[in-house]
Amino acid sequence: MSEEEKKKVYIPFVGDIQDYVGRSPWDFYSWGHIDMGIAAFIFFSLFITIPEFIFGPGGGFFPWWLAFLLTILVGILWEIVENTVIYYLGWRPGGKDSALNAAWDMIFVTIGGGVMWLFQWLIMEMIDYQGRWFYTVAFTSFFIILICYLIGFYITNENTEKARQARAKSIS
């Protein structure tokens, strides 16, 4: 394989310019997938904490581990919908995700849900605080990751602009 072909095949782990978004394992959308995991786990946790609040301990509709598994399922289903339905409707700029990026997106959803499950266990089981502290930590985490997403979006756009300007200078 020639040096030119190797350059075409090379994909960095962190896609910090638009050309690598959706191809690299980590891009600014990865923060959104972590947030998706957090949001899905929070949503499913409501089916546990609200019934327990009303009916007492043990009144949840399903156990915590199932909330985590449902979060993983949401990540898998999202990747399928994102790379088929949304892509074919033309709502996805930049084309489909690479298989590597899609796999890592599912991992990031799992990480977001897993961290929330860990927080739930630490706050509600180990420290024995009420659910409101778990939700305070969960929503705070969600908004911190959302800020990281917005910063990543800005950095990606800035780096893309610089890369395109450098490319234009080298061509002329």
N, C-alpha and C. Protein backbone atom coordinates (compact mmCIF):
# COMPACT_ATOMS: atom_id res chain seq x y z
N MET A 1 0.85 -1.18 0.00
CA MET A 1 0.00 0.00 0.00
C MET A 1 0.90 1.24 0.00
N SER A 2 0.63 2.16 -0.88
CA SER A 2 1.45 3.37 -0.99
C SER A 2 1.14 4.33 0.16
N GLU A 3 2.01 5.30 0.34
CA GLU A 3 1.82 6.31 1.39
C GLU A 3 0.55 7.11 1.16
N GLU A 4 0.22 7.37 -0.09
CA GLU A 4 -1.00 8.11 -0.43
C GLU A 4 -2.25 7.31 -0.03
N GLU A 5 -2.23 6.00 -0.29
CA GLU A 5 -3.37 5.16 0.08
C GLU A 5 -3.51 5.06 1.59
N LYS A 6 -2.38 5.00 2.32
CA LYS A 6 -2.42 4.95 3.78
C LYS A 6 -3.06 6.21 4.36
N LYS A 7 -2.77 7.36 3.76
CA LYS A 7 -3.35 8.61 4.23
C LYS A 7 -4.86 8.62 4.04
N LYS A 8 -5.33 8.03 2.96
CA LYS A 8 -6.77 7.98 2.70
C LYS A 8 -7.48 7.05 3.67
N VAL A 9 -6.81 5.99 4.11
CA VAL A 9 -7.41 5.00 4.99
C VAL A 9 -7.38 5.47 6.44
N TYR A 10 -6.38 6.25 6.81
CA TYR A 10 -6.20 6.68 8.20
C TYR A 10 -7.40 7.46 8.71
N ILE A 11 -7.91 7.03 9.85
CA ILE A 11 -8.99 7.74 10.52
C ILE A 11 -8.57 7.92 11.97
N PRO A 12 -8.47 9.15 12.46
CA PRO A 12 -8.03 9.36 13.84
C PRO A 12 -9.09 8.90 14.84
N PHE A 13 -8.65 8.60 16.07
CA PHE A 13 -9.60 8.19 17.11
C PHE A 13 -10.56 9.32 17.44
N VAL A 14 -10.05 10.55 17.47
CA VAL A 14 -10.89 11.72 17.77
C VAL A 14 -11.10 12.50 16.48
N GLY A 15 -12.35 12.59 16.06
CA GLY A 15 -12.69 13.33 14.84
C GLY A 15 -12.94 14.78 15.18
N ASP A 16 -11.88 15.60 15.13
CA ASP A 16 -12.03 16.99 15.53
C ASP A 16 -12.21 17.94 14.35
N ILE A 17 -12.35 17.39 13.15
CA ILE A 17 -12.77 18.19 12.01
C ILE A 17 -13.95 17.48 11.35
N GLN A 18 -14.74 18.22 10.63
CA GLN A 18 -16.00 17.70 10.07
C GLN A 18 -15.78 16.48 9.17
N ASP A 19 -14.63 16.40 8.51
CA ASP A 19 -14.37 15.27 7.62
C ASP A 19 -14.38 13.93 8.34
N TYR A 20 -14.06 13.95 9.64
CA TYR A 20 -13.98 12.70 10.40
C TYR A 20 -15.20 12.47 11.30
N VAL A 21 -16.11 13.43 11.37
CA VAL A 21 -17.32 13.24 12.18
C VAL A 21 -18.15 12.13 11.56
N GLY A 22 -18.52 11.16 12.34
CA GLY A 22 -19.28 10.00 11.85
C GLY A 22 -18.39 8.88 11.35
N ARG A 23 -17.08 9.14 11.25
CA ARG A 23 -16.14 8.10 10.83
C ARG A 23 -15.22 7.70 11.97
N SER A 24 -14.81 8.68 12.78
CA SER A 24 -13.94 8.42 13.93
C SER A 24 -14.77 7.86 15.09
N PRO A 25 -14.14 7.08 15.95
CA PRO A 25 -14.87 6.56 17.12
C PRO A 25 -15.41 7.67 18.02
N TRP A 26 -14.64 8.75 18.19
CA TRP A 26 -15.04 9.83 19.08
C TRP A 26 -15.17 11.12 18.28
N ASP A 27 -16.36 11.71 18.29
CA ASP A 27 -16.56 13.03 17.70
C ASP A 27 -17.47 13.80 18.64
N PHE A 28 -17.83 15.01 18.29
CA PHE A 28 -18.61 15.80 19.24
C PHE A 28 -19.99 15.19 19.49
N TYR A 29 -20.50 14.40 18.55
CA TYR A 29 -21.77 13.71 18.79
C TYR A 29 -21.66 12.67 19.90
N SER A 30 -20.45 12.23 20.20
CA SER A 30 -20.26 11.24 21.27
C SER A 30 -20.77 11.77 22.60
N TRP A 31 -20.58 13.08 22.84
CA TRP A 31 -21.12 13.68 24.06
C TRP A 31 -22.64 13.55 24.08
N GLY A 32 -23.27 13.71 22.92
CA GLY A 32 -24.72 13.56 22.84
C GLY A 32 -25.16 12.14 23.13
N HIS A 33 -24.35 11.16 22.73
CA HIS A 33 -24.70 9.77 23.01
C HIS A 33 -24.54 9.46 24.50
N ILE A 34 -23.56 10.06 25.15
CA ILE A 34 -23.45 9.91 26.61
C ILE A 34 -24.68 10.52 27.26
N ASP A 35 -25.09 11.70 26.80
CA ASP A 35 -26.30 12.33 27.33
C ASP A 35 -27.54 11.48 27.06
N MET A 36 -27.58 10.82 25.91
CA MET A 36 -28.71 9.94 25.61
C MET A 36 -28.78 8.81 26.64
N GLY A 37 -27.64 8.25 27.00
CA GLY A 37 -27.61 7.20 28.01
C GLY A 37 -28.08 7.70 29.36
N ILE A 38 -27.66 8.92 29.72
CA ILE A 38 -28.10 9.52 30.98
C ILE A 38 -29.61 9.73 30.95
N ALA A 39 -30.11 10.33 29.87
CA ALA A 39 -31.55 10.64 29.77
C ALA A 39 -32.39 9.37 29.76
N ALA A 40 -31.95 8.35 29.03
CA ALA A 40 -32.72 7.11 28.97
C ALA A 40 -32.77 6.45 30.35
N PHE A 41 -31.64 6.43 31.05
CA PHE A 41 -31.64 5.82 32.39
C PHE A 41 -32.53 6.62 33.34
N ILE A 42 -32.48 7.95 33.26
CA ILE A 42 -33.36 8.77 34.10
C ILE A 42 -34.82 8.45 33.79
N PHE A 43 -35.16 8.37 32.52
CA PHE A 43 -36.54 8.06 32.13
C PHE A 43 -36.99 6.72 32.70
N PHE A 44 -36.18 5.68 32.49
CA PHE A 44 -36.57 4.36 32.99
C PHE A 44 -36.56 4.29 34.51
N SER A 45 -35.72 5.09 35.15
CA SER A 45 -35.69 5.08 36.61
C SER A 45 -36.99 5.62 37.21
N LEU A 46 -37.69 6.44 36.46
CA LEU A 46 -38.97 6.96 36.96
C LEU A 46 -39.99 5.84 37.17
N PHE A 47 -39.87 4.75 36.40
CA PHE A 47 -40.77 3.61 36.57
C PHE A 47 -40.42 2.80 37.82
N ILE A 48 -39.34 3.17 38.46
CA ILE A 48 -38.95 2.52 39.72
C ILE A 48 -39.22 3.47 40.88
N THR A 49 -38.74 4.71 40.78
CA THR A 49 -38.81 5.62 41.92
C THR A 49 -40.21 6.15 42.20
N ILE A 50 -40.99 6.43 41.17
CA ILE A 50 -42.35 6.95 41.41
C ILE A 50 -43.23 5.90 42.08
N PRO A 51 -43.28 4.65 41.57
CA PRO A 51 -44.06 3.64 42.29
C PRO A 51 -43.54 3.37 43.71
N GLU A 52 -42.22 3.42 43.91
CA GLU A 52 -41.68 3.22 45.26
C GLU A 52 -42.07 4.37 46.18
N PHE A 53 -42.16 5.57 45.63
CA PHE A 53 -42.59 6.71 46.43
C PHE A 53 -44.06 6.55 46.83
N ILE A 54 -44.87 6.04 45.91
CA ILE A 54 -46.31 5.90 46.17
C ILE A 54 -46.60 4.66 47.03
N PHE A 55 -46.00 3.52 46.66
CA PHE A 55 -46.35 2.24 47.30
C PHE A 55 -45.34 1.76 48.33
N GLY A 56 -44.21 2.43 48.45
CA GLY A 56 -43.19 2.03 49.40
C GLY A 56 -42.09 1.22 48.73
N PRO A 57 -41.05 0.88 49.49
CA PRO A 57 -39.91 0.12 48.93
C PRO A 57 -40.36 -1.18 48.27
N GLY A 58 -39.74 -1.48 47.15
CA GLY A 58 -40.09 -2.69 46.42
C GLY A 58 -41.28 -2.53 45.50
N GLY A 59 -41.82 -1.32 45.40
CA GLY A 59 -43.00 -1.10 44.58
C GLY A 59 -42.71 -0.73 43.14
N GLY A 60 -41.43 -0.70 42.76
CA GLY A 60 -41.07 -0.33 41.39
C GLY A 60 -41.56 -1.36 40.38
N PHE A 61 -41.75 -0.92 39.16
CA PHE A 61 -42.25 -1.81 38.11
C PHE A 61 -41.22 -2.84 37.65
N PHE A 62 -39.94 -2.53 37.79
CA PHE A 62 -38.88 -3.46 37.42
C PHE A 62 -37.61 -3.10 38.18
N PRO A 63 -36.62 -3.99 38.20
CA PRO A 63 -35.38 -3.72 38.94
C PRO A 63 -34.47 -2.73 38.21
N TRP A 64 -33.48 -2.22 38.93
CA TRP A 64 -32.56 -1.23 38.37
C TRP A 64 -31.74 -1.79 37.21
N TRP A 65 -31.37 -3.04 37.29
CA TRP A 65 -30.56 -3.61 36.21
C TRP A 65 -31.33 -3.61 34.90
N LEU A 66 -32.65 -3.76 34.97
CA LEU A 66 -33.46 -3.73 33.75
C LEU A 66 -33.49 -2.31 33.16
N ALA A 67 -33.49 -1.30 34.02
CA ALA A 67 -33.41 0.08 33.52
C ALA A 67 -32.12 0.28 32.74
N PHE A 68 -31.03 -0.31 33.22
CA PHE A 68 -29.75 -0.22 32.52
C PHE A 68 -29.80 -0.97 31.19
N LEU A 69 -30.36 -2.17 31.18
CA LEU A 69 -30.47 -2.93 29.93
C LEU A 69 -31.36 -2.23 28.91
N LEU A 70 -32.43 -1.62 29.38
CA LEU A 70 -33.31 -0.86 28.47
C LEU A 70 -32.57 0.36 27.90
N THR A 71 -31.69 0.95 28.69
CA THR A 71 -30.87 2.06 28.21
C THR A 71 -29.96 1.60 27.07
N ILE A 72 -29.33 0.44 27.24
CA ILE A 72 -28.49 -0.12 26.18
C ILE A 72 -29.33 -0.39 24.93
N LEU A 73 -30.52 -0.93 25.11
CA LEU A 73 -31.41 -1.21 23.99
C LEU A 73 -31.78 0.08 23.25
N VAL A 74 -32.01 1.15 23.98
CA VAL A 74 -32.29 2.45 23.36
C VAL A 74 -31.11 2.88 22.49
N GLY A 75 -29.88 2.70 22.98
CA GLY A 75 -28.69 3.06 22.20
C GLY A 75 -28.58 2.26 20.92
N ILE A 76 -28.86 0.97 21.00
CA ILE A 76 -28.79 0.10 19.82
C ILE A 76 -29.87 0.50 18.81
N LEU A 77 -31.09 0.66 19.29
CA LEU A 77 -32.19 1.03 18.40
C LEU A 77 -31.96 2.40 17.77
N TRP A 78 -31.40 3.33 18.54
CA TRP A 78 -31.13 4.66 17.99
C TRP A 78 -30.14 4.57 16.84
N GLU A 79 -29.08 3.80 17.00
CA GLU A 79 -28.09 3.69 15.92
C GLU A 79 -28.71 3.09 14.66
N ILE A 80 -29.60 2.13 14.83
CA ILE A 80 -30.27 1.53 13.68
C ILE A 80 -31.15 2.58 12.98
N VAL A 81 -31.94 3.31 13.76
CA VAL A 81 -32.82 4.33 13.19
C VAL A 81 -32.01 5.47 12.58
N GLU A 82 -30.96 5.90 13.28
CA GLU A 82 -30.13 7.02 12.81
C GLU A 82 -29.48 6.71 11.46
N ASN A 83 -29.03 5.48 11.29
CA ASN A 83 -28.29 5.13 10.08
C ASN A 83 -29.15 4.49 8.99
N THR A 84 -30.43 4.36 9.23
CA THR A 84 -31.33 3.86 8.18
C THR A 84 -32.42 4.90 7.90
N VAL A 85 -33.39 4.99 8.78
CA VAL A 85 -34.55 5.84 8.54
C VAL A 85 -34.14 7.31 8.39
N ILE A 86 -33.41 7.83 9.36
CA ILE A 86 -33.04 9.25 9.32
C ILE A 86 -32.14 9.54 8.13
N TYR A 87 -31.23 8.63 7.82
CA TYR A 87 -30.33 8.81 6.67
C TYR A 87 -31.13 8.83 5.37
N TYR A 88 -32.04 7.86 5.18
CA TYR A 88 -32.79 7.77 3.93
C TYR A 88 -33.82 8.89 3.77
N LEU A 89 -34.24 9.49 4.88
CA LEU A 89 -35.13 10.65 4.78
C LEU A 89 -34.35 11.93 4.45
N GLY A 90 -33.02 11.83 4.46
CA GLY A 90 -32.19 12.98 4.13
C GLY A 90 -31.99 13.95 5.28
N TRP A 91 -32.29 13.52 6.49
CA TRP A 91 -32.17 14.40 7.65
C TRP A 91 -30.80 14.30 8.32
N ARG A 92 -29.94 13.45 7.79
CA ARG A 92 -28.64 13.22 8.41
C ARG A 92 -27.56 13.82 7.53
N PRO A 93 -26.97 14.94 7.97
CA PRO A 93 -25.90 15.54 7.17
C PRO A 93 -24.62 14.70 7.28
N GLY A 94 -23.90 14.60 6.19
CA GLY A 94 -22.61 13.92 6.24
C GLY A 94 -22.66 12.42 6.01
N GLY A 95 -23.80 11.86 5.76
CA GLY A 95 -23.89 10.44 5.46
C GLY A 95 -24.01 9.56 6.69
N LYS A 96 -23.97 8.26 6.45
CA LYS A 96 -24.10 7.28 7.53
C LYS A 96 -22.84 7.26 8.39
N ASP A 97 -23.01 6.77 9.62
CA ASP A 97 -21.86 6.53 10.49
C ASP A 97 -21.08 5.34 9.97
N SER A 98 -19.77 5.34 10.22
CA SER A 98 -18.99 4.14 9.95
C SER A 98 -19.38 3.10 10.99
N ALA A 99 -19.08 1.84 10.71
CA ALA A 99 -19.38 0.77 11.67
C ALA A 99 -18.64 1.02 12.98
N LEU A 100 -17.42 1.51 12.89
CA LEU A 100 -16.62 1.81 14.08
C LEU A 100 -17.27 2.91 14.91
N ASN A 101 -17.71 3.97 14.25
CA ASN A 101 -18.36 5.07 14.95
C ASN A 101 -19.68 4.63 15.57
N ALA A 102 -20.46 3.85 14.84
CA ALA A 102 -21.75 3.37 15.37
C ALA A 102 -21.53 2.49 16.60
N ALA A 103 -20.53 1.63 16.56
CA ALA A 103 -20.23 0.77 17.71
C ALA A 103 -19.84 1.62 18.92
N TRP A 104 -18.99 2.61 18.70
CA TRP A 104 -18.58 3.47 19.81
C TRP A 104 -19.74 4.33 20.31
N ASP A 105 -20.63 4.74 19.44
CA ASP A 105 -21.80 5.50 19.89
C ASP A 105 -22.64 4.65 20.85
N MET A 106 -22.80 3.38 20.54
CA MET A 106 -23.54 2.49 21.45
C MET A 106 -22.79 2.32 22.77
N ILE A 107 -21.47 2.27 22.70
CA ILE A 107 -20.67 2.18 23.92
C ILE A 107 -20.86 3.44 24.77
N PHE A 108 -20.90 4.60 24.13
CA PHE A 108 -21.08 5.85 24.87
C PHE A 108 -22.45 5.95 25.52
N VAL A 109 -23.49 5.46 24.86
CA VAL A 109 -24.82 5.40 25.48
C VAL A 109 -24.75 4.50 26.71
N THR A 110 -24.08 3.37 26.58
CA THR A 110 -23.93 2.43 27.69
C THR A 110 -23.16 3.08 28.84
N ILE A 111 -22.12 3.83 28.53
CA ILE A 111 -21.35 4.52 29.57
C ILE A 111 -22.22 5.52 30.32
N GLY A 112 -23.00 6.31 29.57
CA GLY A 112 -23.89 7.28 30.21
C GLY A 112 -24.87 6.61 31.15
N GLY A 113 -25.50 5.53 30.70
CA GLY A 113 -26.44 4.80 31.55
C GLY A 113 -25.74 4.12 32.71
N GLY A 114 -24.55 3.58 32.47
CA GLY A 114 -23.80 2.89 33.52
C GLY A 114 -23.36 3.83 34.63
N VAL A 115 -22.94 5.02 34.25
CA VAL A 115 -22.54 6.01 35.27
C VAL A 115 -23.75 6.42 36.10
N MET A 116 -24.91 6.56 35.47
CA MET A 116 -26.12 6.90 36.23
C MET A 116 -26.52 5.76 37.18
N TRP A 117 -26.36 4.53 36.72
CA TRP A 117 -26.66 3.38 37.59
C TRP A 117 -25.70 3.37 38.78
N LEU A 118 -24.43 3.68 38.52
CA LEU A 118 -23.45 3.77 39.61
C LEU A 118 -23.83 4.88 40.58
N PHE A 119 -24.22 6.05 40.07
CA PHE A 119 -24.66 7.14 40.94
C PHE A 119 -25.89 6.73 41.74
N GLN A 120 -26.83 6.05 41.10
CA GLN A 120 -28.02 5.59 41.81
C GLN A 120 -27.63 4.67 42.95
N TRP A 121 -26.74 3.74 42.68
CA TRP A 121 -26.32 2.79 43.70
C TRP A 121 -25.61 3.51 44.85
N LEU A 122 -24.69 4.42 44.52
CA LEU A 122 -23.96 5.15 45.56
C LEU A 122 -24.89 6.02 46.40
N ILE A 123 -25.78 6.75 45.75
CA ILE A 123 -26.62 7.71 46.45
C ILE A 123 -27.78 7.03 47.18
N MET A 124 -28.48 6.14 46.50
CA MET A 124 -29.71 5.58 47.07
C MET A 124 -29.47 4.31 47.88
N GLU A 125 -28.46 3.53 47.51
CA GLU A 125 -28.23 2.27 48.21
C GLU A 125 -27.14 2.42 49.29
N MET A 126 -26.00 2.98 48.93
CA MET A 126 -24.88 3.06 49.87
C MET A 126 -25.08 4.18 50.91
N ILE A 127 -25.41 5.37 50.45
CA ILE A 127 -25.56 6.51 51.36
C ILE A 127 -26.98 6.54 51.94
N ASP A 128 -27.90 5.89 51.27
CA ASP A 128 -29.30 5.79 51.69
C ASP A 128 -30.02 7.14 51.69
N TYR A 129 -29.68 7.97 50.68
CA TYR A 129 -30.41 9.22 50.50
C TYR A 129 -31.62 8.96 49.62
N GLN A 130 -32.54 9.90 49.66
CA GLN A 130 -33.74 9.76 48.85
C GLN A 130 -33.43 10.01 47.37
N GLY A 131 -34.40 9.64 46.55
CA GLY A 131 -34.24 9.74 45.11
C GLY A 131 -33.98 11.14 44.59
N ARG A 132 -34.42 12.16 45.32
CA ARG A 132 -34.23 13.52 44.81
C ARG A 132 -32.76 13.85 44.64
N TRP A 133 -31.89 13.29 45.48
CA TRP A 133 -30.45 13.54 45.33
C TRP A 133 -29.91 12.85 44.10
N PHE A 134 -30.42 11.67 43.81
CA PHE A 134 -30.01 10.99 42.58
C PHE A 134 -30.40 11.82 41.37
N TYR A 135 -31.62 12.33 41.35
CA TYR A 135 -32.07 13.12 40.21
C TYR A 135 -31.34 14.46 40.12
N THR A 136 -30.97 15.03 41.25
CA THR A 136 -30.16 16.25 41.23
C THR A 136 -28.82 15.99 40.56
N VAL A 137 -28.16 14.91 40.96
CA VAL A 137 -26.87 14.54 40.36
C VAL A 137 -27.06 14.18 38.89
N ALA A 138 -28.13 13.46 38.56
CA ALA A 138 -28.36 13.02 37.18
C ALA A 138 -28.59 14.22 36.26
N PHE A 139 -29.43 15.15 36.67
CA PHE A 139 -29.69 16.31 35.81
C PHE A 139 -28.47 17.22 35.72
N THR A 140 -27.72 17.34 36.81
CA THR A 140 -26.48 18.11 36.76
C THR A 140 -25.50 17.47 35.78
N SER A 141 -25.36 16.16 35.85
CA SER A 141 -24.49 15.44 34.92
C SER A 141 -24.94 15.64 33.48
N PHE A 142 -26.24 15.56 33.26
CA PHE A 142 -26.79 15.75 31.91
C PHE A 142 -26.39 17.12 31.35
N PHE A 143 -26.55 18.16 32.16
CA PHE A 143 -26.26 19.50 31.66
C PHE A 143 -24.76 19.75 31.50
N ILE A 144 -23.94 19.15 32.34
CA ILE A 144 -22.48 19.26 32.17
C ILE A 144 -22.07 18.62 30.85
N ILE A 145 -22.59 17.42 30.56
CA ILE A 145 -22.26 16.74 29.31
C ILE A 145 -22.83 17.51 28.11
N LEU A 146 -23.99 18.13 28.28
CA LEU A 146 -24.56 18.95 27.20
C LEU A 146 -23.64 20.13 26.88
N ILE A 147 -23.07 20.74 27.91
CA ILE A 147 -22.11 21.83 27.70
C ILE A 147 -20.88 21.30 26.96
N CYS A 148 -20.41 20.11 27.33
CA CYS A 148 -19.27 19.50 26.63
C CYS A 148 -19.61 19.27 25.15
N TYR A 149 -20.84 18.85 24.87
CA TYR A 149 -21.29 18.67 23.49
C TYR A 149 -21.19 19.98 22.71
N LEU A 150 -21.70 21.05 23.31
CA LEU A 150 -21.69 22.35 22.63
C LEU A 150 -20.26 22.85 22.43
N ILE A 151 -19.39 22.65 23.41
CA ILE A 151 -17.99 23.02 23.26
C ILE A 151 -17.35 22.20 22.15
N GLY A 152 -17.63 20.90 22.12
CA GLY A 152 -17.10 20.03 21.07
C GLY A 152 -17.57 20.45 19.69
N PHE A 153 -18.83 20.83 19.58
CA PHE A 153 -19.38 21.33 18.32
C PHE A 153 -18.62 22.57 17.86
N TYR A 154 -18.39 23.49 18.79
CA TYR A 154 -17.66 24.72 18.47
C TYR A 154 -16.23 24.42 18.04
N ILE A 155 -15.54 23.57 18.80
CA ILE A 155 -14.15 23.22 18.48
C ILE A 155 -14.07 22.55 17.11
N THR A 156 -14.99 21.63 16.84
CA THR A 156 -14.99 20.94 15.54
C THR A 156 -15.17 21.94 14.40
N ASN A 157 -16.09 22.87 14.55
CA ASN A 157 -16.31 23.86 13.50
C ASN A 157 -15.10 24.78 13.33
N GLU A 158 -14.46 25.17 14.43
CA GLU A 158 -13.26 26.01 14.35
C GLU A 158 -12.12 25.25 13.67
N ASN A 159 -11.89 24.01 14.09
CA ASN A 159 -10.81 23.21 13.49
C ASN A 159 -11.08 22.93 12.01
N THR A 160 -12.34 22.71 11.66
CA THR A 160 -12.69 22.47 10.27
C THR A 160 -12.40 23.71 9.43
N GLU A 161 -12.77 24.86 9.95
CA GLU A 161 -12.51 26.11 9.22
C GLU A 161 -11.01 26.33 9.03
N LYS A 162 -10.22 26.09 10.07
CA LYS A 162 -8.76 26.25 9.97
C LYS A 162 -8.18 25.26 8.97
N ALA A 163 -8.66 24.01 9.01
CA ALA A 163 -8.15 22.98 8.09
C ALA A 163 -8.49 23.34 6.64
N ARG A 164 -9.69 23.86 6.41
CA ARG A 164 -10.07 24.23 5.05
C ARG A 164 -9.28 25.44 4.55
N GLN A 165 -9.00 26.38 5.44
CA GLN A 165 -8.18 27.53 5.05
C GLN A 165 -6.76 27.08 4.72
N ALA A 166 -6.21 26.18 5.53
CA ALA A 166 -4.86 25.67 5.28
C ALA A 166 -4.82 24.90 3.96
N ARG A 167 -5.85 24.12 3.69
CA ARG A 167 -5.93 23.36 2.45
C ARG A 167 -6.01 24.30 1.25
N ALA A 168 -6.80 25.37 1.39
CA ALA A 168 -6.94 26.34 0.30
C ALA A 168 -5.61 27.05 0.02
N LYS A 169 -4.85 27.35 1.07
CA LYS A 169 -3.54 28.00 0.89
C LYS A 169 -2.56 27.06 0.20
N SER A 170 -2.61 25.78 0.56
CA SER A 170 -1.67 24.83 -0.05
C SER A 170 -2.00 24.56 -1.51
N ILE A 171 -3.26 24.68 -1.88
CA ILE A 171 -3.67 24.45 -3.27
C ILE A 171 -3.28 25.64 -4.14
N SER A 172 -3.44 26.85 -3.60
CA SER A 172 -3.16 28.04 -4.42
C SER A 172 -1.71 28.42 -4.46
